[in-house]
Amino acid sequence: MALSPDLIAILVCPQCKGKLDLEANEAAFVCPACRLRYPVREGIPVMLVDEAEPTS
């Protein structure tokens, strides 16, 4: 399921309120500032800091 461009445009990192980058496969949003990866599960972005994974 493709994510809505309108949704992608308004999402920000819940921790720092910075810009998020969407992975090419739309599996997660990545915050370059916090170095956190927010997963997309069943087409729904999980924007919880507790659910985020650190990026390498």
PDB file of N, CA and C in Angstrom:
ATOM      1  N   MET A   1       0.849  -1.179   0.000  1.00  0.00           N
ATOM      2  CA  MET A   1       0.000   0.000   0.000  1.00  0.00           C
ATOM      3  C   MET A   1       0.891   1.236   0.000  1.00  0.00           C
ATOM      4  N   ALA A   2       0.710   2.093  -0.957  1.00  0.00           N
ATOM      5  CA  ALA A   2       1.522   3.307  -1.052  1.00  0.00           C
ATOM      6  C   ALA A   2       1.035   4.346  -0.046  1.00  0.00           C
ATOM      7  N   LEU A   3       1.986   5.034   0.532  1.00  0.00           N
ATOM      8  CA  LEU A   3       1.651   6.090   1.488  1.00  0.00           C
ATOM      9  C   LEU A   3       1.223   7.350   0.741  1.00  0.00           C
ATOM     10  N   SER A   4       0.299   8.063   1.319  1.00  0.00           N
ATOM     11  CA  SER A   4      -0.206   9.299   0.724  1.00  0.00           C
ATOM     12  C   SER A   4       0.889  10.368   0.713  1.00  0.00           C
ATOM     13  N   PRO A   5       1.073  11.041  -0.418  1.00  0.00           N
ATOM     14  CA  PRO A   5       2.060  12.133  -0.464  1.00  0.00           C
ATOM     15  C   PRO A   5       1.745  13.242   0.539  1.00  0.00           C
ATOM     16  N   ASP A   6       0.459  13.477   0.801  1.00  0.00           N
ATOM     17  CA  ASP A   6       0.071  14.498   1.784  1.00  0.00           C
ATOM     18  C   ASP A   6       0.530  14.100   3.186  1.00  0.00           C
ATOM     19  N   LEU A   7       0.401  12.819   3.518  1.00  0.00           N
ATOM     20  CA  LEU A   7       0.846  12.322   4.818  1.00  0.00           C
ATOM     21  C   LEU A   7       2.367  12.426   4.938  1.00  0.00           C
ATOM     22  N   ILE A   8       3.057  12.009   3.900  1.00  0.00           N
ATOM     23  CA  ILE A   8       4.521  12.063   3.903  1.00  0.00           C
ATOM     24  C   ILE A   8       5.001  13.497   4.125  1.00  0.00           C
ATOM     25  N   ALA A   9       4.316  14.465   3.532  1.00  0.00           N
ATOM     26  CA  ALA A   9       4.721  15.863   3.613  1.00  0.00           C
ATOM     27  C   ALA A   9       4.575  16.453   5.020  1.00  0.00           C
ATOM     28  N   ILE A  10       3.629  15.951   5.814  1.00  0.00           N
ATOM     29  CA  ILE A  10       3.399  16.570   7.122  1.00  0.00           C
ATOM     30  C   ILE A  10       4.070  15.849   8.290  1.00  0.00           C
ATOM     31  N   LEU A  11       4.542  14.621   8.082  1.00  0.00           N
ATOM     32  CA  LEU A  11       5.159  13.882   9.183  1.00  0.00           C
ATOM     33  C   LEU A  11       6.515  14.473   9.554  1.00  0.00           C
ATOM     34  N   VAL A  12       6.756  14.574  10.856  1.00  0.00           N
ATOM     35  CA  VAL A  12       8.050  15.007  11.379  1.00  0.00           C
ATOM     36  C   VAL A  12       8.472  14.041  12.476  1.00  0.00           C
ATOM     37  N   CYS A  13       9.725  14.084  12.836  1.00  0.00           N
ATOM     38  CA  CYS A  13      10.241  13.244  13.904  1.00  0.00           C
ATOM     39  C   CYS A  13       9.556  13.615  15.221  1.00  0.00           C
ATOM     40  N   PRO A  14       8.989  12.657  15.926  1.00  0.00           N
ATOM     41  CA  PRO A  14       8.335  12.975  17.198  1.00  0.00           C
ATOM     42  C   PRO A  14       9.308  13.398  18.297  1.00  0.00           C
ATOM     43  N   GLN A  15      10.579  13.077  18.124  1.00  0.00           N
ATOM     44  CA  GLN A  15      11.557  13.437  19.148  1.00  0.00           C
ATOM     45  C   GLN A  15      12.088  14.866  18.949  1.00  0.00           C
ATOM     46  N   CYS A  16      12.549  15.183  17.735  1.00  0.00           N
ATOM     47  CA  CYS A  16      13.180  16.498  17.513  1.00  0.00           C
ATOM     48  C   CYS A  16      12.351  17.428  16.643  1.00  0.00           C
ATOM     49  N   LYS A  17      11.262  16.930  16.085  1.00  0.00           N
ATOM     50  CA  LYS A  17      10.380  17.675  15.175  1.00  0.00           C
ATOM     51  C   LYS A  17      11.065  18.018  13.858  1.00  0.00           C
ATOM     52  N   GLY A  18      12.121  17.279  13.526  1.00  0.00           N
ATOM     53  CA  GLY A  18      12.859  17.498  12.286  1.00  0.00           C
ATOM     54  C   GLY A  18      12.277  16.732  11.114  1.00  0.00           C
ATOM     55  N   LYS A  19      12.838  16.996   9.942  1.00  0.00           N
ATOM     56  CA  LYS A  19      12.412  16.369   8.699  1.00  0.00           C
ATOM     57  C   LYS A  19      12.749  14.882   8.700  1.00  0.00           C
ATOM     58  N   LEU A  20      11.842  14.097   8.122  1.00  0.00           N
ATOM     59  CA  LEU A  20      12.051  12.659   7.988  1.00  0.00           C
ATOM     60  C   LEU A  20      12.291  12.298   6.533  1.00  0.00           C
ATOM     61  N   ASP A  21      13.115  11.289   6.318  1.00  0.00           N
ATOM     62  CA  ASP A  21      13.347  10.744   4.988  1.00  0.00           C
ATOM     63  C   ASP A  21      12.628   9.400   4.908  1.00  0.00           C
ATOM     64  N   LEU A  22      11.894   9.192   3.827  1.00  0.00           N
ATOM     65  CA  LEU A  22      11.205   7.922   3.613  1.00  0.00           C
ATOM     66  C   LEU A  22      12.133   6.988   2.863  1.00  0.00           C
ATOM     67  N   GLU A  23      12.311   5.776   3.383  1.00  0.00           N
ATOM     68  CA  GLU A  23      13.138   4.788   2.693  1.00  0.00           C
ATOM     69  C   GLU A  23      12.513   4.468   1.341  1.00  0.00           C
ATOM     70  N   ALA A  24      13.343   4.103   0.383  1.00  0.00           N
ATOM     71  CA  ALA A  24      12.881   3.836  -0.986  1.00  0.00           C
ATOM     72  C   ALA A  24      11.800   2.761  -1.042  1.00  0.00           C
ATOM     73  N   ASN A  25      11.880   1.770  -0.170  1.00  0.00           N
ATOM     74  CA  ASN A  25      10.881   0.691  -0.172  1.00  0.00           C
ATOM     75  C   ASN A  25       9.665   1.016   0.693  1.00  0.00           C
ATOM     76  N   GLU A  26       9.615   2.217   1.236  1.00  0.00           N
ATOM     77  CA  GLU A  26       8.521   2.698   2.098  1.00  0.00           C
ATOM     78  C   GLU A  26       8.319   1.830   3.329  1.00  0.00           C
ATOM     79  N   ALA A  27       9.395   1.217   3.832  1.00  0.00           N
ATOM     80  CA  ALA A  27       9.305   0.367   5.019  1.00  0.00           C
ATOM     81  C   ALA A  27       9.508   1.154   6.306  1.00  0.00           C
ATOM     82  N   ALA A  28      10.058   2.375   6.194  1.00  0.00           N
ATOM     83  CA  ALA A  28      10.328   3.153   7.400  1.00  0.00           C
ATOM     84  C   ALA A  28      10.647   4.598   7.043  1.00  0.00           C
ATOM     85  N   PHE A  29      10.460   5.462   8.041  1.00  0.00           N
ATOM     86  CA  PHE A  29      10.916   6.848   7.965  1.00  0.00           C
ATOM     87  C   PHE A  29      12.174   6.947   8.815  1.00  0.00           C
ATOM     88  N   VAL A  30      13.146   7.725   8.346  1.00  0.00           N
ATOM     89  CA  VAL A  30      14.409   7.870   9.057  1.00  0.00           C
ATOM     90  C   VAL A  30      14.626   9.338   9.394  1.00  0.00           C
ATOM     91  N   CYS A  31      14.992   9.596  10.654  1.00  0.00           N
ATOM     92  CA  CYS A  31      15.355  10.943  11.083  1.00  0.00           C
ATOM     93  C   CYS A  31      16.876  11.034  11.070  1.00  0.00           C
ATOM     94  N   PRO A  32      17.456  11.822  10.152  1.00  0.00           N
ATOM     95  CA  PRO A  32      18.912  11.926  10.099  1.00  0.00           C
ATOM     96  C   PRO A  32      19.498  12.608  11.335  1.00  0.00           C
ATOM     97  N   ALA A  33      18.757  13.520  11.947  1.00  0.00           N
ATOM     98  CA  ALA A  33      19.261  14.245  13.121  1.00  0.00           C
ATOM     99  C   ALA A  33      19.344  13.341  14.349  1.00  0.00           C
ATOM    100  N   CYS A  34      18.286  12.596  14.620  1.00  0.00           N
ATOM    101  CA  CYS A  34      18.238  11.717  15.796  1.00  0.00           C
ATOM    102  C   CYS A  34      18.823  10.337  15.514  1.00  0.00           C
ATOM    103  N   ARG A  35      18.973  10.022  14.216  1.00  0.00           N
ATOM    104  CA  ARG A  35      19.449   8.707  13.787  1.00  0.00           C
ATOM    105  C   ARG A  35      18.518   7.601  14.285  1.00  0.00           C
ATOM    106  N   LEU A  36      17.214   7.855  14.089  1.00  0.00           N
ATOM    107  CA  LEU A  36      16.189   6.887  14.459  1.00  0.00           C
ATOM    108  C   LEU A  36      15.398   6.495  13.225  1.00  0.00           C
ATOM    109  N   ARG A  37      14.939   5.246  13.221  1.00  0.00           N
ATOM    110  CA  ARG A  37      14.165   4.683  12.116  1.00  0.00           C
ATOM    111  C   ARG A  37      12.784   4.315  12.656  1.00  0.00           C
ATOM    112  N   TYR A  38      11.748   4.943  12.078  1.00  0.00           N
ATOM    113  CA  TYR A  38      10.364   4.701  12.483  1.00  0.00           C
ATOM    114  C   TYR A  38       9.721   3.762  11.462  1.00  0.00           C
ATOM    115  N   PRO A  39       9.302   2.573  11.872  1.00  0.00           N
ATOM    116  CA  PRO A  39       8.775   1.596  10.912  1.00  0.00           C
ATOM    117  C   PRO A  39       7.395   1.973  10.372  1.00  0.00           C
ATOM    118  N   VAL A  40       7.091   1.425   9.205  1.00  0.00           N
ATOM    119  CA  VAL A  40       5.752   1.509   8.626  1.00  0.00           C
ATOM    120  C   VAL A  40       5.212   0.082   8.641  1.00  0.00           C
ATOM    121  N   ARG A  41       4.135  -0.116   9.393  1.00  0.00           N
ATOM    122  CA  ARG A  41       3.539  -1.451   9.526  1.00  0.00           C
ATOM    123  C   ARG A  41       2.148  -1.455   8.913  1.00  0.00           C
ATOM    124  N   GLU A  42       1.952  -2.339   7.951  1.00  0.00           N
ATOM    125  CA  GLU A  42       0.667  -2.469   7.256  1.00  0.00           C
ATOM    126  C   GLU A  42       0.190  -1.126   6.705  1.00  0.00           C
ATOM    127  N   GLY A  43       1.139  -0.337   6.181  1.00  0.00           N
ATOM    128  CA  GLY A  43       0.811   0.949   5.578  1.00  0.00           C
ATOM    129  C   GLY A  43       0.610   2.085   6.552  1.00  0.00           C
ATOM    130  N   ILE A  44       0.883   1.844   7.849  1.00  0.00           N
ATOM    131  CA  ILE A  44       0.679   2.871   8.876  1.00  0.00           C
ATOM    132  C   ILE A  44       2.028   3.205   9.526  1.00  0.00           C
ATOM    133  N   PRO A  45       2.462   4.472   9.443  1.00  0.00           N
ATOM    134  CA  PRO A  45       3.706   4.865  10.108  1.00  0.00           C
ATOM    135  C   PRO A  45       3.551   4.780  11.635  1.00  0.00           C
ATOM    136  N   VAL A  46       4.498   4.139  12.283  1.00  0.00           N
ATOM    137  CA  VAL A  46       4.496   4.021  13.743  1.00  0.00           C
ATOM    138  C   VAL A  46       5.430   5.105  14.273  1.00  0.00           C
ATOM    139  N   MET A  47       4.837   6.226  14.661  1.00  0.00           N
ATOM    140  CA  MET A  47       5.618   7.396  15.042  1.00  0.00           C
ATOM    141  C   MET A  47       5.744   7.510  16.567  1.00  0.00           C
ATOM    142  N   LEU A  48       6.242   6.451  17.177  1.00  0.00           N
ATOM    143  CA  LEU A  48       6.470   6.415  18.620  1.00  0.00           C
ATOM    144  C   LEU A  48       7.970   6.268  18.865  1.00  0.00           C
ATOM    145  N   VAL A  49       8.525   7.116  19.699  1.00  0.00           N
ATOM    146  CA  VAL A  49       9.962   7.053  19.978  1.00  0.00           C
ATOM    147  C   VAL A  49      10.327   5.692  20.560  1.00  0.00           C
ATOM    148  N   ASP A  50       9.467   5.130  21.383  1.00  0.00           N
ATOM    149  CA  ASP A  50       9.733   3.823  21.987  1.00  0.00           C
ATOM    150  C   ASP A  50       9.773   2.693  20.956  1.00  0.00           C
ATOM    151  N   GLU A  51       9.148   2.867  19.821  1.00  0.00           N
ATOM    152  CA  GLU A  51       9.112   1.869  18.757  1.00  0.00           C
ATOM    153  C   GLU A  51      10.225   2.080  17.720  1.00  0.00           C
ATOM    154  N   ALA A  52      10.905   3.202  17.775  1.00  0.00           N
ATOM    155  CA  ALA A  52      11.949   3.524  16.806  1.00  0.00           C
ATOM    156  C   ALA A  52      13.194   2.686  17.048  1.00  0.00           C
ATOM    157  N   GLU A  53      13.917   2.421  15.951  1.00  0.00           N
ATOM    158  CA  GLU A  53      15.157   1.655  16.027  1.00  0.00           C
ATOM    159  C   GLU A  53      16.319   2.591  15.682  1.00  0.00           C
ATOM    160  N   PRO A  54      17.451   2.445  16.335  1.00  0.00           N
ATOM    161  CA  PRO A  54      18.605   3.277  15.960  1.00  0.00           C
ATOM    162  C   PRO A  54      19.129   2.886  14.581  1.00  0.00           C
ATOM    163  N   THR A  55      19.574   3.871  13.834  1.00  0.00           N
ATOM    164  CA  THR A  55      20.193   3.597  12.531  1.00  0.00           C
ATOM    165  C   THR A  55      21.691   3.467  12.744  1.00  0.00           C
ATOM    166  N   SER A  56      22.353   2.885  11.778  1.00  0.00           N
ATOM    167  CA  SER A  56      23.802   2.703  11.920  1.00  0.00           C
ATOM    168  C   SER A  56      24.576   3.859  11.336  1.00  0.00           C
TER     169      SER A  56
END
